[in-house]
Amino acid sequence: MTDQLELVHHHGDHLAVSVAGGTELLRYVYRPEAAWEAPKPYVHPLRTLAGQVVTDYRPHDHRWHKGLQMTASHLSGQNLWGGNTYVHGEGYLALPERVGSMAHAGFDEVSVDDVGARFTERLTWHPYGGGLWAEETRRIEVHDVDPADGSWALTWSTAVTNRRAEPLRFGSPTTHGRPDAGYTGLFWRGPRAFRDGRILGPDAEGPELMGRQAPWLAYCGETDGADGHATLVFAHSPGNDHTGEGGGHPAHWFVRDSPFAAVAPSLAFHEELVLEPGATLARRYRVLVADGVWDRERVASRVGAFLW
């Protein structure tokens, strides 16, 4: 079921999706922010139906971590992630001339009905110098709001087209020599209270899921400000292909529970992903936001019922 939703556009700043007369579920912020943080749109706060915030924003350890956002930590020598850039043999260096951005270009749709709320955005990707490297079409949908179950779902779809005359190479710190740092692509930073939370996969659990493939991953943490827990489930569309052969293989997961909570279905964990000129990289993900502690069986049952 889906309760009636409200979608309010604060022009030039953000979109807010709320349960009618109740909790604001998410705020999608698209105004530009600090250049050093690789300006890009992001979702924060992200909330459970009970109103618990399950994202962090500009934490002191990584100011460029902003809720739920699409990133590119290593892109043909540029950093559309934010902050220091990892350089093999030298570690993380302050290289502002490598920090790029993703710019809001307009909305093609902003709508709400009995099925859910949705918006489709056009973005442009830029290196530090300001040239056009890529155009993206991004669609975010809020749906399946179920008070009885204590959950709701967000679907994030992206299609990135290379506008350069040469290939775009998506990489990560791991492809550049740092083990277990394959973060790039869709990235979630959890609130500080979620440190040391529980990580679940279909057939394993804990930080050892780092760098492994799986169709879904769940993270459960305890909330601040009110007693209780929240569970987030991150899932791939079966159509996502990370082999280049149309096989629908899921990405490798970047996941941490210490020193902070973070999850990313990495576009390029162990190997670079090459996007040829004029080609489009399409991915679709779903995030289930739930109150309470969900076990593996409950997560697997819900993921198995997803309609893509």
C-alpha atoms as a PDB file:
ATOM      1  CA  MET A   1       0.000   0.000   0.000  1.00  0.00           C
ATOM      2  CA  THR A   2       1.027   3.649  -0.323  1.00  0.00           C
ATOM      3  CA  ASP A   3      -0.300   6.409   1.893  1.00  0.00           C
ATOM      4  CA  GLN A   4      -0.949   9.706   0.159  1.00  0.00           C
ATOM      5  CA  LEU A   5       2.281  11.636  -0.317  1.00  0.00           C
ATOM      6  CA  GLU A   6       3.017  15.336  -0.644  1.00  0.00           C
ATOM      7  CA  LEU A   7       5.813  16.752  -2.804  1.00  0.00           C
ATOM      8  CA  VAL A   8       6.820  20.388  -2.297  1.00  0.00           C
ATOM      9  CA  HIS A   9       9.351  22.152  -4.537  1.00  0.00           C
ATOM     10  CA  HIS A  10      11.341  24.914  -2.867  1.00  0.00           C
ATOM     11  CA  HIS A  11      12.633  26.338  -6.142  1.00  0.00           C
ATOM     12  CA  GLY A  12      16.376  26.802  -6.399  1.00  0.00           C
ATOM     13  CA  ASP A  13      17.049  24.803  -3.249  1.00  0.00           C
ATOM     14  CA  HIS A  14      15.331  21.440  -2.686  1.00  0.00           C
ATOM     15  CA  LEU A  15      12.372  19.106  -3.115  1.00  0.00           C
ATOM     16  CA  ALA A  16      10.681  17.593  -0.059  1.00  0.00           C
ATOM     17  CA  VAL A  17       8.572  14.415  -0.023  1.00  0.00           C
ATOM     18  CA  SER A  18       6.321  13.834   2.999  1.00  0.00           C
ATOM     19  CA  VAL A  19       3.540  11.570   4.121  1.00  0.00           C
ATOM     20  CA  ALA A  20       0.446  13.773   3.882  1.00  0.00           C
ATOM     21  CA  GLY A  21       0.115  15.608   7.182  1.00  0.00           C
ATOM     22  CA  GLY A  22       3.034  13.682   8.663  1.00  0.00           C
ATOM     23  CA  THR A  23       6.719  12.813   8.410  1.00  0.00           C
ATOM     24  CA  GLU A  24       9.004  14.376   5.831  1.00  0.00           C
ATOM     25  CA  LEU A  25      10.628  11.275   4.327  1.00  0.00           C
ATOM     26  CA  LEU A  26      13.362  12.956   2.330  1.00  0.00           C
ATOM     27  CA  ARG A  27      14.752  16.265   1.207  1.00  0.00           C
ATOM     28  CA  TYR A  28      16.540  16.332  -2.160  1.00  0.00           C
ATOM     29  CA  VAL A  29      18.928  19.292  -2.147  1.00  0.00           C
ATOM     30  CA  TYR A  30      20.215  20.522  -5.502  1.00  0.00           C
ATOM     31  CA  ARG A  31      21.654  23.965  -4.710  1.00  0.00           C
ATOM     32  CA  PRO A  32      25.440  24.255  -5.266  1.00  0.00           C
ATOM     33  CA  GLU A  33      27.672  23.934  -2.196  1.00  0.00           C
ATOM     34  CA  ALA A  34      31.393  24.272  -1.411  1.00  0.00           C
ATOM     35  CA  ALA A  35      33.710  23.642  -4.384  1.00  0.00           C
ATOM     36  CA  TRP A  36      36.127  21.549  -2.259  1.00  0.00           C
ATOM     37  CA  GLU A  37      33.270  19.147  -1.500  1.00  0.00           C
ATOM     38  CA  ALA A  38      32.601  18.410  -5.210  1.00  0.00           C
ATOM     39  CA  PRO A  39      29.159  20.091  -5.405  1.00  0.00           C
ATOM     40  CA  LYS A  40      26.374  17.703  -6.353  1.00  0.00           C
ATOM     41  CA  PRO A  41      22.729  17.063  -5.389  1.00  0.00           C
ATOM     42  CA  TYR A  42      22.067  14.805  -2.420  1.00  0.00           C
ATOM     43  CA  VAL A  43      19.318  13.405  -0.187  1.00  0.00           C
ATOM     44  CA  HIS A  44      19.416  14.586   3.430  1.00  0.00           C
ATOM     45  CA  PRO A  45      17.696  14.168   5.732  1.00  0.00           C
ATOM     46  CA  LEU A  46      16.365  10.715   4.933  1.00  0.00           C
ATOM     47  CA  ARG A  47      13.848   9.543   7.539  1.00  0.00           C
ATOM     48  CA  THR A  48      11.938   6.460   8.619  1.00  0.00           C
ATOM     49  CA  LEU A  49       8.158   6.640   8.900  1.00  0.00           C
ATOM     50  CA  ALA A  50       8.598   7.175  12.652  1.00  0.00           C
ATOM     51  CA  GLY A  51      10.696  10.253  11.868  1.00  0.00           C
ATOM     52  CA  GLN A  52      14.153   8.897  12.675  1.00  0.00           C
ATOM     53  CA  VAL A  53      16.949  10.450  10.580  1.00  0.00           C
ATOM     54  CA  VAL A  54      19.072   7.768   8.902  1.00  0.00           C
ATOM     55  CA  THR A  55      21.631   9.905   7.040  1.00  0.00           C
ATOM     56  CA  ASP A  56      24.510  12.130   8.107  1.00  0.00           C
ATOM     57  CA  TYR A  57      25.504  15.492   6.637  1.00  0.00           C
ATOM     58  CA  ARG A  58      28.991  17.041   6.462  1.00  0.00           C
ATOM     59  CA  PRO A  59      30.471  15.007   9.364  1.00  0.00           C
ATOM     60  CA  HIS A  60      33.710  16.397  10.751  1.00  0.00           C
ATOM     61  CA  ASP A  61      35.726  13.461   9.388  1.00  0.00           C
ATOM     62  CA  HIS A  62      34.521  13.823   5.779  1.00  0.00           C
ATOM     63  CA  ARG A  63      32.732  17.103   5.071  1.00  0.00           C
ATOM     64  CA  TRP A  64      31.853  15.903   1.555  1.00  0.00           C
ATOM     65  CA  HIS A  65      29.760  12.981   2.873  1.00  0.00           C
ATOM     66  CA  LYS A  66      26.187  14.172   2.393  1.00  0.00           C
ATOM     67  CA  GLY A  67      23.388  11.720   3.044  1.00  0.00           C
ATOM     68  CA  LEU A  68      22.640   9.657  -0.050  1.00  0.00           C
ATOM     69  CA  GLN A  69      24.296  10.868  -3.251  1.00  0.00           C
ATOM     70  CA  MET A  70      25.667   9.793  -6.614  1.00  0.00           C
ATOM     71  CA  THR A  71      29.450  10.130  -6.681  1.00  0.00           C
ATOM     72  CA  ALA A  72      32.500   9.397  -8.837  1.00  0.00           C
ATOM     73  CA  SER A  73      35.633   9.159  -6.699  1.00  0.00           C
ATOM     74  CA  HIS A  74      38.044   8.652  -9.617  1.00  0.00           C
ATOM     75  CA  LEU A  75      36.871   9.714 -13.068  1.00  0.00           C
ATOM     76  CA  SER A  76      39.566   9.990 -15.747  1.00  0.00           C
ATOM     77  CA  GLY A  77      41.895  11.720 -13.298  1.00  0.00           C
ATOM     78  CA  GLN A  78      39.209  13.906 -11.719  1.00  0.00           C
ATOM     79  CA  ASN A  79      37.504  13.621  -8.318  1.00  0.00           C
ATOM     80  CA  LEU A  80      33.720  14.089  -8.302  1.00  0.00           C
ATOM     81  CA  TRP A  81      33.598  12.691  -4.774  1.00  0.00           C
ATOM     82  CA  GLY A  82      35.027  15.602  -2.840  1.00  0.00           C
ATOM     83  CA  GLY A  83      37.917  16.343  -0.519  1.00  0.00           C
ATOM     84  CA  ASN A  84      41.366  14.792  -0.849  1.00  0.00           C
ATOM     85  CA  THR A  85      42.251  12.597  -3.811  1.00  0.00           C
ATOM     86  CA  TYR A  86      43.962   9.222  -3.386  1.00  0.00           C
ATOM     87  CA  VAL A  87      47.263   8.971  -5.278  1.00  0.00           C
ATOM     88  CA  HIS A  88      49.050   5.628  -5.440  1.00  0.00           C
ATOM     89  CA  GLY A  89      52.191   5.619  -3.326  1.00  0.00           C
ATOM     90  CA  GLU A  90      51.430   9.004  -1.787  1.00  0.00           C
ATOM     91  CA  GLY A  91      48.072   8.524  -0.042  1.00  0.00           C
ATOM     92  CA  TYR A  92      45.344  11.166   0.120  1.00  0.00           C
ATOM     93  CA  LEU A  93      46.434  14.561  -1.128  1.00  0.00           C
ATOM     94  CA  ALA A  94      44.751  17.955  -1.264  1.00  0.00           C
ATOM     95  CA  LEU A  95      44.465  18.474  -5.025  1.00  0.00           C
ATOM     96  CA  PRO A  96      41.737  21.064  -5.592  1.00  0.00           C
ATOM     97  CA  GLU A  97      42.555  21.150  -9.309  1.00  0.00           C
ATOM     98  CA  ARG A  98      41.121  17.627  -9.561  1.00  0.00           C
ATOM     99  CA  VAL A  99      37.836  18.249  -7.735  1.00  0.00           C
ATOM    100  CA  GLY A 100      34.901  18.494 -10.139  1.00  0.00           C
ATOM    101  CA  SER A 101      31.137  18.791  -9.802  1.00  0.00           C
ATOM    102  CA  MET A 102      27.694  17.556 -10.852  1.00  0.00           C
ATOM    103  CA  ALA A 103      25.375  20.460 -11.640  1.00  0.00           C
ATOM    104  CA  HIS A 104      21.585  20.603 -11.612  1.00  0.00           C
ATOM    105  CA  ALA A 105      20.294  21.530 -15.083  1.00  0.00           C
ATOM    106  CA  GLY A 106      16.529  21.226 -14.613  1.00  0.00           C
ATOM    107  CA  PHE A 107      13.602  18.990 -13.782  1.00  0.00           C
ATOM    108  CA  ASP A 108      11.639  17.265 -16.543  1.00  0.00           C
ATOM    109  CA  GLU A 109       8.992  15.912 -14.154  1.00  0.00           C
ATOM    110  CA  VAL A 110       7.881  16.612 -10.599  1.00  0.00           C
ATOM    111  CA  SER A 111       4.703  14.735  -9.762  1.00  0.00           C
ATOM    112  CA  VAL A 112       2.738  12.820  -7.144  1.00  0.00           C
ATOM    113  CA  ASP A 113      -0.245  10.471  -7.350  1.00  0.00           C
ATOM    114  CA  ASP A 114      -1.730   7.465  -5.565  1.00  0.00           C
ATOM    115  CA  VAL A 115       1.237   5.314  -6.593  1.00  0.00           C
ATOM    116  CA  GLY A 116       3.911   7.604  -5.171  1.00  0.00           C
ATOM    117  CA  ALA A 117       5.990  10.731  -5.700  1.00  0.00           C
ATOM    118  CA  ARG A 118       8.682  11.120  -8.330  1.00  0.00           C
ATOM    119  CA  PHE A 119      10.971  13.607 -10.006  1.00  0.00           C
ATOM    120  CA  THR A 120      13.259  13.385 -13.023  1.00  0.00           C
ATOM    121  CA  GLU A 121      16.306  15.634 -13.135  1.00  0.00           C
ATOM    122  CA  ARG A 122      18.854  16.575 -15.779  1.00  0.00           C
ATOM    123  CA  LEU A 123      22.450  17.083 -14.600  1.00  0.00           C
ATOM    124  CA  THR A 124      25.818  17.886 -16.145  1.00  0.00           C
ATOM    125  CA  TRP A 125      29.151  16.486 -14.944  1.00  0.00           C
ATOM    126  CA  HIS A 126      32.229  18.722 -15.000  1.00  0.00           C
ATOM    127  CA  PRO A 127      35.956  18.492 -14.270  1.00  0.00           C
ATOM    128  CA  TYR A 128      37.617  21.233 -12.226  1.00  0.00           C
ATOM    129  CA  GLY A 129      38.142  23.340 -15.340  1.00  0.00           C
ATOM    130  CA  GLY A 130      34.420  23.435 -16.076  1.00  0.00           C
ATOM    131  CA  GLY A 131      34.181  21.543 -19.362  1.00  0.00           C
ATOM    132  CA  LEU A 132      31.265  19.218 -20.087  1.00  0.00           C
ATOM    133  CA  TRP A 133      32.225  15.589 -19.504  1.00  0.00           C
ATOM    134  CA  ALA A 134      28.839  13.904 -19.130  1.00  0.00           C
ATOM    135  CA  GLU A 135      25.093  14.443 -19.066  1.00  0.00           C
ATOM    136  CA  GLU A 136      22.933  12.526 -16.628  1.00  0.00           C
ATOM    137  CA  THR A 137      19.230  11.842 -16.390  1.00  0.00           C
ATOM    138  CA  ARG A 138      18.273  10.925 -12.812  1.00  0.00           C
ATOM    139  CA  ARG A 139      14.893   9.708 -11.599  1.00  0.00           C
ATOM    140  CA  ILE A 140      13.974   9.326  -7.925  1.00  0.00           C
ATOM    141  CA  GLU A 141      10.731   7.664  -6.895  1.00  0.00           C
ATOM    142  CA  VAL A 142       9.167   7.350  -3.428  1.00  0.00           C
ATOM    143  CA  HIS A 143       6.646   4.525  -3.190  1.00  0.00           C
ATOM    144  CA  ASP A 144       5.300   1.558  -1.210  1.00  0.00           C
ATOM    145  CA  VAL A 145       4.734   3.530   1.975  1.00  0.00           C
ATOM    146  CA  ASP A 146       3.400   0.941   4.434  1.00  0.00           C
ATOM    147  CA  PRO A 147       2.670   2.105   8.004  1.00  0.00           C
ATOM    148  CA  ALA A 148       1.673  -1.409   9.067  1.00  0.00           C
ATOM    149  CA  ASP A 149       5.087  -2.692   8.009  1.00  0.00           C
ATOM    150  CA  GLY A 150       6.915   0.439   9.160  1.00  0.00           C
ATOM    151  CA  SER A 151       8.679   0.888   5.836  1.00  0.00           C
ATOM    152  CA  TRP A 152       8.821   2.778   2.560  1.00  0.00           C
ATOM    153  CA  ALA A 153      10.911   2.502  -0.593  1.00  0.00           C
ATOM    154  CA  LEU A 154      13.032   4.810  -2.732  1.00  0.00           C
ATOM    155  CA  THR A 155      14.093   3.889  -6.262  1.00  0.00           C
ATOM    156  CA  TRP A 156      17.110   5.733  -7.709  1.00  0.00           C
ATOM    157  CA  SER A 157      17.654   5.443 -11.469  1.00  0.00           C
ATOM    158  CA  THR A 158      20.536   7.044 -13.336  1.00  0.00           C
ATOM    159  CA  ALA A 159      21.688   7.208 -16.950  1.00  0.00           C
ATOM    160  CA  VAL A 160      25.059   8.899 -17.551  1.00  0.00           C
ATOM    161  CA  THR A 161      26.121   9.675 -21.146  1.00  0.00           C
ATOM    162  CA  ASN A 162      29.756  10.394 -21.984  1.00  0.00           C
ATOM    163  CA  ARG A 163      30.004  13.730 -23.825  1.00  0.00           C
ATOM    164  CA  ARG A 164      33.798  13.686 -24.201  1.00  0.00           C
ATOM    165  CA  ALA A 165      35.641  12.743 -27.359  1.00  0.00           C
ATOM    166  CA  GLU A 166      37.493  10.055 -25.386  1.00  0.00           C
ATOM    167  CA  PRO A 167      36.460   7.358 -22.902  1.00  0.00           C
ATOM    168  CA  LEU A 168      35.429   8.155 -19.338  1.00  0.00           C
ATOM    169  CA  ARG A 169      37.192   5.847 -16.900  1.00  0.00           C
ATOM    170  CA  PHE A 170      35.336   5.220 -13.631  1.00  0.00           C
ATOM    171  CA  GLY A 171      37.647   4.055 -10.866  1.00  0.00           C
ATOM    172  CA  SER A 172      38.072   4.112  -7.092  1.00  0.00           C
ATOM    173  CA  PRO A 173      40.895   4.318  -4.553  1.00  0.00           C
ATOM    174  CA  THR A 174      41.119   0.515  -4.798  1.00  0.00           C
ATOM    175  CA  THR A 175      41.647   0.578  -8.566  1.00  0.00           C
ATOM    176  CA  HIS A 176      44.441   3.058  -7.773  1.00  0.00           C
ATOM    177  CA  GLY A 177      46.117   0.855  -5.177  1.00  0.00           C
ATOM    178  CA  ARG A 178      44.320   1.214  -1.830  1.00  0.00           C
ATOM    179  CA  PRO A 179      42.767  -2.062  -0.576  1.00  0.00           C
ATOM    180  CA  ASP A 180      39.113  -2.159   0.545  1.00  0.00           C
ATOM    181  CA  ALA A 181      38.376   1.406  -0.580  1.00  0.00           C
ATOM    182  CA  GLY A 182      36.319   0.751  -3.695  1.00  0.00           C
ATOM    183  CA  TYR A 183      33.794   3.483  -3.037  1.00  0.00           C
ATOM    184  CA  THR A 184      32.233   5.203  -6.031  1.00  0.00           C
ATOM    185  CA  GLY A 185      28.717   5.519  -7.462  1.00  0.00           C
ATOM    186  CA  LEU A 186      25.643   5.696  -5.227  1.00  0.00           C
ATOM    187  CA  PHE A 187      26.878   6.283  -1.659  1.00  0.00           C
ATOM    188  CA  TRP A 188      25.092   6.375   1.725  1.00  0.00           C
ATOM    189  CA  ARG A 189      26.626   7.827   4.872  1.00  0.00           C
ATOM    190  CA  GLY A 190      24.793   6.759   8.018  1.00  0.00           C
ATOM    191  CA  PRO A 191      24.364   8.857  11.166  1.00  0.00           C
ATOM    192  CA  ARG A 192      27.057   8.740  13.829  1.00  0.00           C
ATOM    193  CA  ALA A 193      24.905   6.537  16.083  1.00  0.00           C
ATOM    194  CA  PHE A 194      24.906   3.818  13.396  1.00  0.00           C
ATOM    195  CA  ARG A 195      28.587   3.053  13.951  1.00  0.00           C
ATOM    196  CA  ASP A 196      29.090  -0.656  14.764  1.00  0.00           C
ATOM    197  CA  GLY A 197      25.665  -1.517  13.382  1.00  0.00           C
ATOM    198  CA  ARG A 198      24.714  -4.883  11.919  1.00  0.00           C
ATOM    199  CA  ILE A 199      25.503  -5.637   8.259  1.00  0.00           C
ATOM    200  CA  LEU A 200      23.561  -8.416   6.516  1.00  0.00           C
ATOM    201  CA  GLY A 201      23.825 -10.011   3.096  1.00  0.00           C
ATOM    202  CA  PRO A 202      21.959 -12.937   1.542  1.00  0.00           C
ATOM    203  CA  ASP A 203      24.447 -15.507   2.845  1.00  0.00           C
ATOM    204  CA  ALA A 204      26.922 -13.635   5.062  1.00  0.00           C
ATOM    205  CA  GLU A 205      27.110 -10.783   7.523  1.00  0.00           C
ATOM    206  CA  GLY A 206      29.517  -8.251   8.933  1.00  0.00           C
ATOM    207  CA  PRO A 207      32.321  -6.153   7.439  1.00  0.00           C
ATOM    208  CA  GLU A 208      33.617  -9.183   5.512  1.00  0.00           C
ATOM    209  CA  LEU A 209      30.986  -8.303   2.909  1.00  0.00           C
ATOM    210  CA  MET A 210      33.392  -5.555   1.813  1.00  0.00           C
ATOM    211  CA  GLY A 211      34.291  -6.045  -1.832  1.00  0.00           C
ATOM    212  CA  ARG A 212      31.915  -8.968  -2.354  1.00  0.00           C
ATOM    213  CA  GLN A 213      29.055  -9.288  -4.812  1.00  0.00           C
ATOM    214  CA  ALA A 214      25.437  -9.730  -3.698  1.00  0.00           C
ATOM    215  CA  PRO A 215      22.032  -8.612  -5.000  1.00  0.00           C
ATOM    216  CA  TRP A 216      21.294  -6.785  -1.739  1.00  0.00           C
ATOM    217  CA  LEU A 217      22.841  -5.588   1.506  1.00  0.00           C
ATOM    218  CA  ALA A 218      21.118  -4.447   4.713  1.00  0.00           C
ATOM    219  CA  TYR A 219      22.404  -2.185   7.487  1.00  0.00           C
ATOM    220  CA  CYS A 220      20.723  -1.961  10.901  1.00  0.00           C
ATOM    221  CA  GLY A 221      21.592   0.743  13.421  1.00  0.00           C
ATOM    222  CA  GLU A 222      20.313   2.190  16.688  1.00  0.00           C
ATOM    223  CA  THR A 223      18.917   5.704  16.540  1.00  0.00           C
ATOM    224  CA  ASP A 224      19.764   8.721  18.670  1.00  0.00           C
ATOM    225  CA  GLY A 225      17.060  10.904  20.182  1.00  0.00           C
ATOM    226  CA  ALA A 226      14.522   8.107  20.560  1.00  0.00           C
ATOM    227  CA  ASP A 227      14.630   4.481  21.593  1.00  0.00           C
ATOM    228  CA  GLY A 228      14.704   2.009  18.744  1.00  0.00           C
ATOM    229  CA  HIS A 229      16.464   0.891  15.607  1.00  0.00           C
ATOM    230  CA  ALA A 230      16.199   1.398  11.861  1.00  0.00           C
ATOM    231  CA  THR A 231      17.103  -0.870   8.961  1.00  0.00           C
ATOM    232  CA  LEU A 232      18.108   0.210   5.459  1.00  0.00           C
ATOM    233  CA  VAL A 233      18.141  -2.300   2.623  1.00  0.00           C
ATOM    234  CA  PHE A 234      20.093  -1.510  -0.552  1.00  0.00           C
ATOM    235  CA  ALA A 235      19.240  -3.561  -3.628  1.00  0.00           C
ATOM    236  CA  HIS A 236      20.279  -3.797  -7.283  1.00  0.00           C
ATOM    237  CA  SER A 237      17.874  -3.931 -10.160  1.00  0.00           C
ATOM    238  CA  PRO A 238      18.303  -7.346 -11.834  1.00  0.00           C
ATOM    239  CA  GLY A 239      19.141  -5.419 -15.009  1.00  0.00           C
ATOM    240  CA  ASN A 240      22.261  -3.767 -13.577  1.00  0.00           C
ATOM    241  CA  ASP A 241      25.284  -5.096 -15.420  1.00  0.00           C
ATOM    242  CA  HIS A 242      28.832  -4.691 -14.169  1.00  0.00           C
ATOM    243  CA  THR A 243      30.465  -7.105 -16.604  1.00  0.00           C
ATOM    244  CA  GLY A 244      29.868  -5.203 -19.829  1.00  0.00           C
ATOM    245  CA  GLU A 245      28.202  -8.295 -21.281  1.00  0.00           C
ATOM    246  CA  GLY A 246      24.576  -7.727 -20.288  1.00  0.00           C
ATOM    247  CA  GLY A 247      24.683 -10.452 -17.652  1.00  0.00           C
ATOM    248  CA  GLY A 248      22.957  -8.548 -14.860  1.00  0.00           C
ATOM    249  CA  HIS A 249      25.742  -9.178 -12.354  1.00  0.00           C
ATOM    250  CA  PRO A 250      25.570  -6.992  -9.216  1.00  0.00           C
ATOM    251  CA  ALA A 251      28.371  -4.648  -8.284  1.00  0.00           C
ATOM    252  CA  HIS A 252      30.798  -5.289  -5.464  1.00  0.00           C
ATOM    253  CA  TRP A 253      29.727  -3.694  -2.191  1.00  0.00           C
ATOM    254  CA  PHE A 254      31.665  -1.071  -0.319  1.00  0.00           C
ATOM    255  CA  VAL A 255      30.463  -1.263   3.297  1.00  0.00           C
ATOM    256  CA  ARG A 256      31.778  -0.106   6.662  1.00  0.00           C
ATOM    257  CA  ASP A 257      30.450  -0.166  10.204  1.00  0.00           C
ATOM    258  CA  SER A 258      33.581   1.524  11.637  1.00  0.00           C
ATOM    259  CA  PRO A 259      34.782   4.249  11.982  1.00  0.00           C
ATOM    260  CA  PHE A 260      31.437   5.205  10.433  1.00  0.00           C
ATOM    261  CA  ALA A 261      28.446   3.583   8.740  1.00  0.00           C
ATOM    262  CA  ALA A 262      28.601   3.637   4.936  1.00  0.00           C
ATOM    263  CA  VAL A 263      27.276   1.607   2.010  1.00  0.00           C
ATOM    264  CA  ALA A 264      27.893   1.893  -1.740  1.00  0.00           C
ATOM    265  CA  PRO A 265      27.120  -0.531  -4.578  1.00  0.00           C
ATOM    266  CA  SER A 266      30.393   0.355  -6.257  1.00  0.00           C
ATOM    267  CA  LEU A 267      30.599   1.020  -9.981  1.00  0.00           C
ATOM    268  CA  ALA A 268      34.310   0.193 -10.004  1.00  0.00           C
ATOM    269  CA  PHE A 269      35.520  -1.554  -6.873  1.00  0.00           C
ATOM    270  CA  HIS A 270      38.308  -3.817  -8.174  1.00  0.00           C
ATOM    271  CA  GLU A 271      38.514  -2.780 -11.832  1.00  0.00           C
ATOM    272  CA  GLU A 272      37.871   0.389 -13.794  1.00  0.00           C
ATOM    273  CA  LEU A 273      34.660   0.750 -15.764  1.00  0.00           C
ATOM    274  CA  VAL A 274      35.212   2.338 -19.183  1.00  0.00           C
ATOM    275  CA  LEU A 275      32.425   4.363 -20.826  1.00  0.00           C
ATOM    276  CA  GLU A 276      33.080   5.044 -24.493  1.00  0.00           C
ATOM    277  CA  PRO A 277      32.268   8.420 -26.129  1.00  0.00           C
ATOM    278  CA  GLY A 278      28.529   8.777 -26.676  1.00  0.00           C
ATOM    279  CA  ALA A 279      27.747   5.636 -24.647  1.00  0.00           C
ATOM    280  CA  THR A 280      25.349   5.637 -21.691  1.00  0.00           C
ATOM    281  CA  LEU A 281      25.853   3.967 -18.315  1.00  0.00           C
ATOM    282  CA  ALA A 282      22.463   3.061 -16.783  1.00  0.00           C
ATOM    283  CA  ARG A 283      21.905   1.794 -13.246  1.00  0.00           C
ATOM    284  CA  ARG A 284      18.901   1.365 -10.987  1.00  0.00           C
ATOM    285  CA  TYR A 285      18.890   0.853  -7.228  1.00  0.00           C
ATOM    286  CA  ARG A 286      16.298   0.567  -4.489  1.00  0.00           C
ATOM    287  CA  VAL A 287      16.604   1.621  -0.856  1.00  0.00           C
ATOM    288  CA  LEU A 288      14.074   0.298   1.651  1.00  0.00           C
ATOM    289  CA  VAL A 289      13.870   2.475   4.779  1.00  0.00           C
ATOM    290  CA  ALA A 290      12.335   0.682   7.759  1.00  0.00           C
ATOM    291  CA  ASP A 291      11.780   1.201  11.446  1.00  0.00           C
ATOM    292  CA  GLY A 292      13.013  -1.579  13.726  1.00  0.00           C
ATOM    293  CA  VAL A 293      15.432  -4.485  13.384  1.00  0.00           C
ATOM    294  CA  TRP A 294      14.891  -6.644  10.302  1.00  0.00           C
ATOM    295  CA  ASP A 295      16.421 -10.114  10.093  1.00  0.00           C
ATOM    296  CA  ARG A 296      17.752 -11.799   6.962  1.00  0.00           C
ATOM    297  CA  GLU A 297      14.549 -13.712   6.258  1.00  0.00           C
ATOM    298  CA  ARG A 298      12.405 -10.596   6.402  1.00  0.00           C
ATOM    299  CA  VAL A 299      14.787  -8.640   4.179  1.00  0.00           C
ATOM    300  CA  ALA A 300      15.076 -11.469   1.653  1.00  0.00           C
ATOM    301  CA  SER A 301      11.304 -11.843   1.482  1.00  0.00           C
ATOM    302  CA  ARG A 302      10.800  -8.140   0.815  1.00  0.00           C
ATOM    303  CA  VAL A 303      13.580  -7.924  -1.761  1.00  0.00           C
ATOM    304  CA  GLY A 304      12.181 -10.993  -3.495  1.00  0.00           C
ATOM    305  CA  ALA A 305       8.816  -9.238  -3.825  1.00  0.00           C
ATOM    306  CA  PHE A 306      10.264  -6.079  -5.420  1.00  0.00           C
ATOM    307  CA  LEU A 307       8.759  -5.198  -8.796  1.00  0.00           C
ATOM    308  CA  TRP A 308      11.352  -3.489 -10.966  1.00  0.00           C
END
